[in-house]
Amino acid sequence: MNEKVINLRQRKKQNARDAKRRKGGENAARFGEPTCPKQAREMEEARRLTLLDQHKRDDD
């Protein structure tokens, strides 16, 4: 039994810090981008959805 003894309180705090760090990285990637590329991405997504809707078949 060479298991290392851990303090659960410290481990819980470390897990919370890691989760905050991950969420911060995700938010930085999502909200931290400049306006121009963000608008270009949104316009491309709208164009892609429009093209997809135009190719739908109406089988009524």
N, C-alpha and C. Protein backbone atom coordinates (compact mmCIF):
# COMPACT_ATOMS: atom_id res chain seq x y z
N MET A 1 0.83 -1.17 0.00
CA MET A 1 0.00 0.00 0.00
C MET A 1 0.88 1.24 0.00
N ASN A 2 1.39 1.56 -1.13
CA ASN A 2 2.23 2.75 -1.29
C ASN A 2 1.41 3.93 -1.80
N GLU A 3 0.13 3.94 -1.51
CA GLU A 3 -0.72 5.03 -1.94
C GLU A 3 -0.36 6.30 -1.18
N LYS A 4 -0.36 7.40 -1.89
CA LYS A 4 -0.03 8.67 -1.27
C LYS A 4 -1.29 9.20 -0.57
N VAL A 5 -1.15 9.66 0.64
CA VAL A 5 -2.27 10.20 1.40
C VAL A 5 -2.57 11.60 0.87
N ILE A 6 -3.85 11.86 0.58
CA ILE A 6 -4.24 13.16 0.07
C ILE A 6 -5.23 13.81 1.01
N ASN A 7 -5.19 15.11 1.05
CA ASN A 7 -6.13 15.87 1.85
C ASN A 7 -7.33 16.17 0.96
N LEU A 8 -8.50 15.68 1.32
CA LEU A 8 -9.68 15.81 0.48
C LEU A 8 -10.10 17.27 0.30
N ARG A 9 -9.92 18.07 1.33
CA ARG A 9 -10.28 19.49 1.25
C ARG A 9 -9.41 20.19 0.19
N GLN A 10 -8.12 19.90 0.23
CA GLN A 10 -7.22 20.50 -0.74
C GLN A 10 -7.52 19.99 -2.15
N ARG A 11 -7.83 18.72 -2.25
CA ARG A 11 -8.13 18.13 -3.57
C ARG A 11 -9.40 18.75 -4.15
N LYS A 12 -10.40 18.99 -3.30
CA LYS A 12 -11.65 19.60 -3.75
C LYS A 12 -11.40 21.03 -4.25
N LYS A 13 -10.57 21.77 -3.51
CA LYS A 13 -10.25 23.13 -3.93
C LYS A 13 -9.46 23.12 -5.24
N GLN A 14 -8.55 22.18 -5.39
CA GLN A 14 -7.76 22.08 -6.62
C GLN A 14 -8.66 21.76 -7.81
N ASN A 15 -9.62 20.86 -7.61
CA ASN A 15 -10.56 20.53 -8.69
C ASN A 15 -11.39 21.74 -9.07
N ALA A 16 -11.82 22.53 -8.09
CA ALA A 16 -12.60 23.74 -8.37
C ALA A 16 -11.75 24.74 -9.15
N ARG A 17 -10.47 24.90 -8.77
CA ARG A 17 -9.59 25.82 -9.50
C ARG A 17 -9.38 25.35 -10.94
N ASP A 18 -9.21 24.06 -11.12
CA ASP A 18 -9.03 23.51 -12.47
C ASP A 18 -10.27 23.74 -13.32
N ALA A 19 -11.45 23.56 -12.73
CA ALA A 19 -12.70 23.77 -13.47
C ALA A 19 -12.83 25.24 -13.87
N LYS A 20 -12.49 26.17 -12.96
CA LYS A 20 -12.56 27.59 -13.28
C LYS A 20 -11.58 27.94 -14.40
N ARG A 21 -10.41 27.34 -14.36
CA ARG A 21 -9.40 27.61 -15.38
C ARG A 21 -9.87 27.11 -16.75
N ARG A 22 -10.50 25.92 -16.78
CA ARG A 22 -11.04 25.39 -18.03
C ARG A 22 -12.14 26.28 -18.57
N LYS A 23 -13.06 26.68 -17.70
CA LYS A 23 -14.17 27.53 -18.13
C LYS A 23 -13.65 28.88 -18.61
N GLY A 24 -12.64 29.41 -17.94
CA GLY A 24 -12.04 30.67 -18.36
C GLY A 24 -11.43 30.57 -19.74
N GLY A 25 -10.78 29.46 -20.01
CA GLY A 25 -10.21 29.25 -21.34
C GLY A 25 -11.28 29.16 -22.42
N GLU A 26 -12.37 28.49 -22.11
CA GLU A 26 -13.47 28.39 -23.07
C GLU A 26 -14.09 29.76 -23.33
N ASN A 27 -14.29 30.54 -22.26
CA ASN A 27 -14.87 31.87 -22.42
C ASN A 27 -13.94 32.79 -23.19
N ALA A 28 -12.64 32.68 -22.95
CA ALA A 28 -11.68 33.51 -23.67
C ALA A 28 -11.72 33.18 -25.16
N ALA A 29 -11.88 31.92 -25.48
CA ALA A 29 -11.93 31.53 -26.89
C ALA A 29 -13.23 32.01 -27.54
N ARG A 30 -14.32 31.98 -26.78
CA ARG A 30 -15.62 32.33 -27.36
C ARG A 30 -15.85 33.83 -27.38
N PHE A 31 -15.55 34.53 -26.28
CA PHE A 31 -15.87 35.94 -26.19
C PHE A 31 -14.68 36.84 -26.47
N GLY A 32 -13.50 36.30 -26.53
CA GLY A 32 -12.31 37.11 -26.70
C GLY A 32 -11.91 37.35 -28.13
N GLU A 33 -12.66 36.83 -29.09
CA GLU A 33 -12.25 37.03 -30.47
C GLU A 33 -12.69 38.41 -30.97
N PRO A 34 -11.94 39.00 -31.88
CA PRO A 34 -12.28 40.32 -32.42
C PRO A 34 -13.61 40.28 -33.17
N THR A 35 -14.19 41.45 -33.36
CA THR A 35 -15.52 41.56 -33.96
C THR A 35 -15.54 41.09 -35.42
N CYS A 36 -14.55 41.46 -36.19
CA CYS A 36 -14.56 41.15 -37.62
C CYS A 36 -14.59 39.64 -37.89
N PRO A 37 -13.71 38.83 -37.31
CA PRO A 37 -13.79 37.39 -37.55
C PRO A 37 -15.08 36.78 -36.99
N LYS A 38 -15.57 37.34 -35.89
CA LYS A 38 -16.80 36.85 -35.29
C LYS A 38 -17.97 37.07 -36.25
N GLN A 39 -18.05 38.27 -36.83
CA GLN A 39 -19.11 38.56 -37.78
C GLN A 39 -18.98 37.70 -39.03
N ALA A 40 -17.76 37.49 -39.49
CA ALA A 40 -17.53 36.65 -40.67
C ALA A 40 -17.98 35.22 -40.40
N ARG A 41 -17.67 34.71 -39.21
CA ARG A 41 -18.09 33.35 -38.86
C ARG A 41 -19.61 33.25 -38.79
N GLU A 42 -20.26 34.27 -38.19
CA GLU A 42 -21.72 34.25 -38.10
C GLU A 42 -22.37 34.36 -39.48
N MET A 43 -21.79 35.18 -40.36
CA MET A 43 -22.34 35.31 -41.71
C MET A 43 -22.17 34.01 -42.49
N GLU A 44 -21.04 33.35 -42.33
CA GLU A 44 -20.80 32.08 -43.00
C GLU A 44 -21.78 31.01 -42.50
N GLU A 45 -22.03 31.00 -41.19
CA GLU A 45 -22.99 30.05 -40.62
C GLU A 45 -24.40 30.32 -41.16
N ALA A 46 -24.80 31.58 -41.26
CA ALA A 46 -26.11 31.93 -41.79
C ALA A 46 -26.21 31.52 -43.27
N ARG A 47 -25.14 31.76 -44.02
CA ARG A 47 -25.14 31.38 -45.44
C ARG A 47 -25.23 29.86 -45.60
N ARG A 48 -24.52 29.14 -44.75
CA ARG A 48 -24.56 27.68 -44.81
C ARG A 48 -25.96 27.15 -44.50
N LEU A 49 -26.60 27.73 -43.49
CA LEU A 49 -27.96 27.29 -43.15
C LEU A 49 -28.95 27.64 -44.25
N THR A 50 -28.77 28.81 -44.89
CA THR A 50 -29.65 29.20 -45.99
C THR A 50 -29.51 28.24 -47.15
N LEU A 51 -28.29 27.89 -47.51
CA LEU A 51 -28.07 26.94 -48.59
C LEU A 51 -28.67 25.58 -48.26
N LEU A 52 -28.54 25.17 -47.02
CA LEU A 52 -29.11 23.90 -46.60
C LEU A 52 -30.63 23.91 -46.70
N ASP A 53 -31.25 25.02 -46.28
CA ASP A 53 -32.70 25.13 -46.36
C ASP A 53 -33.19 25.18 -47.82
N GLN A 54 -32.41 25.75 -48.70
CA GLN A 54 -32.80 25.84 -50.11
C GLN A 54 -32.81 24.45 -50.78
N HIS A 55 -32.05 23.53 -50.26
CA HIS A 55 -31.96 22.22 -50.87
C HIS A 55 -32.89 21.19 -50.23
N LYS A 56 -33.72 21.63 -49.32
CA LYS A 56 -34.67 20.70 -48.70
C LYS A 56 -35.77 20.36 -49.70
N ARG A 57 -36.22 19.14 -49.60
CA ARG A 57 -37.31 18.70 -50.48
C ARG A 57 -38.61 18.76 -49.71
N ASP A 58 -39.64 19.21 -50.40
CA ASP A 58 -40.98 19.24 -49.81
C ASP A 58 -41.74 18.03 -50.31
N ASP A 59 -41.81 16.99 -49.52
CA ASP A 59 -42.53 15.77 -49.88
C ASP A 59 -43.84 15.73 -49.13
N ASP A 60 -44.76 16.58 -49.51
CA ASP A 60 -46.06 16.63 -48.82
C ASP A 60 -47.03 15.65 -49.40
